[in-house]
Amino acid sequence: MKKTTCRNGVRVLMQYTDGVLPDSRRSAVEDHVGACRRCKGFVRSYAETPRILREATVTRMPERIGRRLHRMLVALPTPGRDRS
């Protein structure tokens, strides 16, 4: 079995944050996260992502900016579409 490290443990940290990590591994992960600034930051940001997305979509984009964004997106080349 491969040892879980900060670099290869993202899936484990996601399972830990989602509350689906088996109890047999939870204690070891909690000990590691408690001592590892990088993993603690990952867990915090992963847990905050849904709230950040909700807050970002609450504010309505000003109509003028929406029109400008639409024009810019329409002007982008589309693979397979001939622009001539």
Protein backbone atom coordinates (compact mmCIF):
# COMPACT_ATOMS: atom_id res chain seq x y z
CA MET A 1 0.00 0.00 0.00
CA LYS A 2 1.37 3.39 -1.05
CA LYS A 3 1.96 5.87 1.78
CA THR A 4 -0.31 8.91 1.61
CA THR A 5 1.61 12.18 1.42
CA CYS A 6 0.57 15.80 0.96
CA ARG A 7 1.37 15.52 -2.74
CA ASN A 8 -0.68 12.39 -3.48
CA GLY A 9 -3.30 12.71 -0.73
CA VAL A 10 -5.80 15.12 -2.29
CA ARG A 11 -8.41 12.39 -2.69
CA VAL A 12 -7.97 11.41 0.96
CA LEU A 13 -8.31 15.04 2.06
CA MET A 14 -11.48 15.40 -0.03
CA GLN A 15 -12.94 12.25 1.54
CA TYR A 16 -11.99 13.59 4.98
CA THR A 17 -13.65 16.95 4.30
CA ASP A 18 -16.74 15.32 2.81
CA GLY A 19 -17.05 13.09 5.90
CA VAL A 20 -16.75 9.83 3.96
CA LEU A 21 -13.25 8.80 5.01
CA PRO A 22 -13.30 5.45 6.84
CA ASP A 23 -12.95 5.79 10.61
CA SER A 24 -9.82 3.65 10.45
CA ARG A 25 -8.01 6.46 8.57
CA ARG A 26 -9.75 9.55 10.02
CA SER A 27 -7.57 9.85 13.13
CA ALA A 28 -4.31 9.71 11.17
CA VAL A 29 -5.56 12.29 8.70
CA GLU A 30 -6.77 14.59 11.51
CA ASP A 31 -3.33 14.35 13.16
CA HIS A 32 -1.62 15.18 9.88
CA VAL A 33 -3.94 18.06 8.97
CA GLY A 34 -3.53 19.49 12.46
CA ALA A 35 0.23 19.67 11.98
CA CYS A 36 0.47 20.49 8.25
CA ARG A 37 -0.18 24.08 7.23
CA ARG A 38 -0.54 23.16 3.55
CA CYS A 39 -3.11 20.42 4.13
CA LYS A 40 -4.97 22.53 6.67
CA GLY A 41 -5.25 25.27 4.02
CA PHE A 42 -6.48 22.77 1.44
CA VAL A 43 -9.17 21.42 3.78
CA ARG A 44 -10.27 24.96 4.68
CA SER A 45 -10.48 26.09 1.04
CA TYR A 46 -12.20 22.86 -0.09
CA ALA A 47 -14.80 23.24 2.65
CA GLU A 48 -15.36 26.94 1.79
CA THR A 49 -15.76 26.44 -1.98
CA PRO A 50 -19.56 25.90 -1.98
CA ARG A 51 -20.11 29.07 0.10
CA ILE A 52 -17.80 31.09 -2.15
CA LEU A 53 -19.63 29.89 -5.26
CA ARG A 54 -23.04 30.68 -3.74
CA GLU A 55 -21.92 34.18 -2.82
CA ALA A 56 -20.37 34.75 -6.24
CA THR A 57 -23.61 33.87 -8.02
CA VAL A 58 -25.86 36.01 -5.78
CA THR A 59 -24.64 39.27 -7.28
CA ARG A 60 -26.14 40.01 -10.66
CA MET A 61 -23.76 41.11 -13.38
CA PRO A 62 -24.48 44.63 -14.63
CA GLU A 63 -26.31 44.47 -17.96
CA ARG A 64 -23.68 46.57 -19.75
CA ILE A 65 -20.90 44.19 -18.69
CA GLY A 66 -23.01 41.17 -19.65
CA ARG A 67 -23.51 42.54 -23.17
CA ARG A 68 -19.80 43.28 -23.52
CA LEU A 69 -18.86 39.81 -22.28
CA HIS A 70 -21.34 38.23 -24.70
CA ARG A 71 -19.83 40.15 -27.65
CA MET A 72 -16.32 39.04 -26.63
CA LEU A 73 -17.36 35.40 -26.31
CA VAL A 74 -19.18 35.39 -29.65
CA ALA A 75 -16.07 36.84 -31.31
CA LEU A 76 -13.84 33.99 -30.08
CA PRO A 77 -12.93 31.42 -32.71
CA THR A 78 -14.83 28.17 -32.40
CA PRO A 79 -13.07 24.96 -33.44
CA GLY A 80 -14.62 23.60 -36.61
CA ARG A 81 -16.47 26.84 -37.45
CA ASP A 82 -15.29 28.72 -40.53
CA ARG A 83 -15.21 32.47 -39.85
CA SER A 84 -14.72 33.58 -43.47
